[in-house]
């Protein structure tokens, strides 16, 4: 497997990984924010 073959695979993987990470992080942040709000109101 040459480096020329690796670059498209890497950019494709990165293009799939970054949005997935962004979604997971935003879900965790939103979930943490919701828990903080629930604790604040109770």
PDB file of N, CA and C in Angstrom:
ATOM      1  N   UNK A   1       0.854  -1.198   0.000  1.00  0.00           N
ATOM      2  CA  UNK A   1       0.000   0.000   0.000  1.00  0.00           C
ATOM      3  C   UNK A   1       0.888   1.246   0.000  1.00  0.00           C
ATOM      4  N   UNK A   2       0.821   1.991  -1.075  1.00  0.00           N
ATOM      5  CA  UNK A   2       1.674   3.177  -1.189  1.00  0.00           C
ATOM      6  C   UNK A   2       1.048   4.367  -0.489  1.00  0.00           C
ATOM      7  N   UNK A   3       1.851   5.397  -0.269  1.00  0.00           N
ATOM      8  CA  UNK A   3       1.357   6.597   0.412  1.00  0.00           C
ATOM      9  C   UNK A   3       0.291   7.290  -0.440  1.00  0.00           C
ATOM     10  N   UNK A   4       0.378   7.119  -1.768  1.00  0.00           N
ATOM     11  CA  UNK A   4      -0.611   7.733  -2.660  1.00  0.00           C
ATOM     12  C   UNK A   4      -1.987   7.102  -2.439  1.00  0.00           C
ATOM     13  N   UNK A   5      -2.016   5.808  -2.163  1.00  0.00           N
ATOM     14  CA  UNK A   5      -3.279   5.122  -1.883  1.00  0.00           C
ATOM     15  C   UNK A   5      -3.791   5.467  -0.489  1.00  0.00           C
ATOM     16  N   UNK A   6      -2.872   5.801   0.397  1.00  0.00           N
ATOM     17  CA  UNK A   6      -3.232   6.049   1.791  1.00  0.00           C
ATOM     18  C   UNK A   6      -3.921   7.394   1.965  1.00  0.00           C
ATOM     19  N   UNK A   7      -3.534   8.386   1.174  1.00  0.00           N
ATOM     20  CA  UNK A   7      -4.070   9.747   1.351  1.00  0.00           C
ATOM     21  C   UNK A   7      -5.588   9.810   1.158  1.00  0.00           C
ATOM     22  N   UNK A   8      -6.155   9.257   0.069  1.00  0.00           N
ATOM     23  CA  UNK A   8      -7.625   9.300  -0.075  1.00  0.00           C
ATOM     24  C   UNK A   8      -8.342   8.552   1.045  1.00  0.00           C
ATOM     25  N   UNK A   9      -7.784   7.421   1.458  1.00  0.00           N
ATOM     26  CA  UNK A   9      -8.376   6.651   2.551  1.00  0.00           C
ATOM     27  C   UNK A   9      -8.375   7.470   3.837  1.00  0.00           C
ATOM     28  N   UNK A  10      -7.265   8.158   4.084  1.00  0.00           N
ATOM     29  CA  UNK A  10      -7.120   8.943   5.306  1.00  0.00           C
ATOM     30  C   UNK A  10      -8.086  10.119   5.301  1.00  0.00           C
ATOM     31  N   UNK A  11      -8.163  10.840   4.178  1.00  0.00           N
ATOM     32  CA  UNK A  11      -9.058  12.000   4.106  1.00  0.00           C
ATOM     33  C   UNK A  11     -10.512  11.552   4.175  1.00  0.00           C
ATOM     34  N   UNK A  12     -10.824  10.400   3.591  1.00  0.00           N
ATOM     35  CA  UNK A  12     -12.183   9.863   3.650  1.00  0.00           C
ATOM     36  C   UNK A  12     -12.522   9.476   5.085  1.00  0.00           C
ATOM     37  N   UNK A  13     -11.590   8.820   5.761  1.00  0.00           N
ATOM     38  CA  UNK A  13     -11.796   8.434   7.156  1.00  0.00           C
ATOM     39  C   UNK A  13     -11.936   9.656   8.044  1.00  0.00           C
ATOM     40  N   UNK A  14     -11.124  10.673   7.781  1.00  0.00           N
ATOM     41  CA  UNK A  14     -11.175  11.900   8.572  1.00  0.00           C
ATOM     42  C   UNK A  14     -12.502  12.615   8.327  1.00  0.00           C
ATOM     43  N   UNK A  15     -12.959  12.613   7.076  1.00  0.00           N
ATOM     44  CA  UNK A  15     -14.225  13.251   6.732  1.00  0.00           C
ATOM     45  C   UNK A  15     -15.408  12.562   7.398  1.00  0.00           C
ATOM     46  N   UNK A  16     -15.255  11.267   7.702  1.00  0.00           N
ATOM     47  CA  UNK A  16     -16.318  10.519   8.387  1.00  0.00           C
ATOM     48  C   UNK A  16     -16.168  10.640   9.892  1.00  0.00           C
ATOM     49  N   UNK A  17     -14.919  10.717  10.353  1.00  0.00           N
ATOM     50  CA  UNK A  17     -14.653  10.698  11.790  1.00  0.00           C
ATOM     51  C   UNK A  17     -14.976  12.034  12.447  1.00  0.00           C
ATOM     52  N   UNK A  18     -14.607  13.132  11.801  1.00  0.00           N
ATOM     53  CA  UNK A  18     -14.797  14.455  12.412  1.00  0.00           C
ATOM     54  C   UNK A  18     -16.262  14.778  12.697  1.00  0.00           C
ATOM     55  N   UNK A  19     -17.189  14.603  11.746  1.00  0.00           N
ATOM     56  CA  UNK A  19     -18.604  14.874  12.061  1.00  0.00           C
ATOM     57  C   UNK A  19     -19.132  13.953  13.156  1.00  0.00           C
ATOM     58  N   UNK A  20     -18.695  12.695  13.149  1.00  0.00           N
ATOM     59  CA  UNK A  20     -19.129  11.753  14.180  1.00  0.00           C
ATOM     60  C   UNK A  20     -18.656  12.209  15.552  1.00  0.00           C
ATOM     61  N   UNK A  21     -17.391  12.635  15.631  1.00  0.00           N
ATOM     62  CA  UNK A  21     -16.856  13.143  16.896  1.00  0.00           C
ATOM     63  C   UNK A  21     -17.604  14.392  17.324  1.00  0.00           C
ATOM     64  N   UNK A  22     -17.892  15.269  16.372  1.00  0.00           N
ATOM     65  CA  UNK A  22     -18.603  16.509  16.691  1.00  0.00           C
ATOM     66  C   UNK A  22     -19.986  16.199  17.254  1.00  0.00           C
ATOM     67  N   UNK A  23     -20.674  15.217  16.664  1.00  0.00           N
ATOM     68  CA  UNK A  23     -22.011  14.829  17.134  1.00  0.00           C
ATOM     69  C   UNK A  23     -21.921  14.244  18.540  1.00  0.00           C
ATOM     70  N   UNK A  24     -20.950  13.356  18.760  1.00  0.00           N
ATOM     71  CA  UNK A  24     -20.794  12.733  20.082  1.00  0.00           C
ATOM     72  C   UNK A  24     -20.489  13.788  21.133  1.00  0.00           C
ATOM     73  N   UNK A  25     -19.560  14.700  20.818  1.00  0.00           N
ATOM     74  CA  UNK A  25     -19.178  15.745  21.775  1.00  0.00           C
ATOM     75  C   UNK A  25     -20.372  16.640  22.082  1.00  0.00           C
ATOM     76  N   UNK A  26     -21.114  17.042  21.052  1.00  0.00           N
ATOM     77  CA  UNK A  26     -22.268  17.919  21.272  1.00  0.00           C
ATOM     78  C   UNK A  26     -23.337  17.203  22.093  1.00  0.00           C
ATOM     79  N   UNK A  27     -23.523  15.898  21.862  1.00  0.00           N
ATOM     80  CA  UNK A  27     -24.503  15.136  22.645  1.00  0.00           C
ATOM     81  C   UNK A  27     -24.080  15.071  24.106  1.00  0.00           C
ATOM     82  N   UNK A  28     -22.785  14.842  24.341  1.00  0.00           N
ATOM     83  CA  UNK A  28     -22.282  14.773  25.718  1.00  0.00           C
ATOM     84  C   UNK A  28     -22.435  16.129  26.399  1.00  0.00           C
ATOM     85  N   UNK A  29     -22.089  17.194  25.682  1.00  0.00           N
ATOM     86  CA  UNK A  29     -22.188  18.547  26.254  1.00  0.00           C
ATOM     87  C   UNK A  29     -23.646  18.887  26.550  1.00  0.00           C
ATOM     88  N   UNK A  30     -24.538  18.587  25.600  1.00  0.00           N
ATOM     89  CA  UNK A  30     -25.960  18.877  25.804  1.00  0.00           C
ATOM     90  C   UNK A  30     -26.512  18.037  26.944  1.00  0.00           C
ATOM     91  N   UNK A  31     -26.101  16.781  27.017  1.00  0.00           N
ATOM     92  CA  UNK A  31     -26.565  15.893  28.081  1.00  0.00           C
ATOM     93  C   UNK A  31     -26.096  16.418  29.432  1.00  0.00           C
ATOM     94  N   UNK A  32     -24.847  16.856  29.504  1.00  0.00           N
ATOM     95  CA  UNK A  32     -24.322  17.423  30.738  1.00  0.00           C
ATOM     96  C   UNK A  32     -25.056  18.701  31.109  1.00  0.00           C
ATOM     97  N   UNK A  33     -25.375  19.527  30.108  1.00  0.00           N
ATOM     98  CA  UNK A  33     -26.110  20.763  30.360  1.00  0.00           C
ATOM     99  C   UNK A  33     -27.512  20.477  30.863  1.00  0.00           C
ATOM    100  N   UNK A  34     -28.169  19.458  30.296  1.00  0.00           N
ATOM    101  CA  UNK A  34     -29.514  19.096  30.741  1.00  0.00           C
ATOM    102  C   UNK A  34     -29.491  18.600  32.178  1.00  0.00           C
ATOM    103  N   UNK A  35     -28.500  17.801  32.516  1.00  0.00           N
ATOM    104  CA  UNK A  35     -28.390  17.287  33.885  1.00  0.00           C
ATOM    105  C   UNK A  35     -28.176  18.436  34.861  1.00  0.00           C
ATOM    106  N   UNK A  36     -27.356  19.403  34.480  1.00  0.00           N
ATOM    107  CA  UNK A  36     -27.090  20.556  35.347  1.00  0.00           C
ATOM    108  C   UNK A  36     -28.372  21.356  35.554  1.00  0.00           C
ATOM    109  N   UNK A  37     -29.161  21.520  34.494  1.00  0.00           N
ATOM    110  CA  UNK A  37     -30.420  22.261  34.602  1.00  0.00           C
ATOM    111  C   UNK A  37     -31.400  21.512  35.495  1.00  0.00           C
ATOM    112  N   UNK A  38     -31.480  20.196  35.338  1.00  0.00           N
ATOM    113  CA  UNK A  38     -32.404  19.391  36.145  1.00  0.00           C
ATOM    114  C   UNK A  38     -32.021  19.495  37.621  1.00  0.00           C
ATOM    115  N   UNK A  39     -30.730  19.412  37.922  1.00  0.00           N
ATOM    116  CA  UNK A  39     -30.277  19.518  39.314  1.00  0.00           C
ATOM    117  C   UNK A  39     -30.576  20.909  39.864  1.00  0.00           C
ATOM    118  N   UNK A  40     -30.472  21.912  39.005  1.00  0.00           N
ATOM    119  CA  UNK A  40     -30.701  23.290  39.439  1.00  0.00           C
ATOM    120  C   UNK A  40     -32.172  23.497  39.804  1.00  0.00           C
ATOM    121  N   UNK A  41     -33.070  22.894  39.031  1.00  0.00           N
ATOM    122  CA  UNK A  41     -34.504  23.104  39.257  1.00  0.00           C
ATOM    123  C   UNK A  41     -35.041  22.263  40.408  1.00  0.00           C
ATOM    124  N   UNK A  42     -34.416  21.107  40.659  1.00  0.00           N
ATOM    125  CA  UNK A  42     -34.943  20.217  41.694  1.00  0.00           C
ATOM    126  C   UNK A  42     -34.586  20.705  43.096  1.00  0.00           C
TER     127      UNK A  42
END
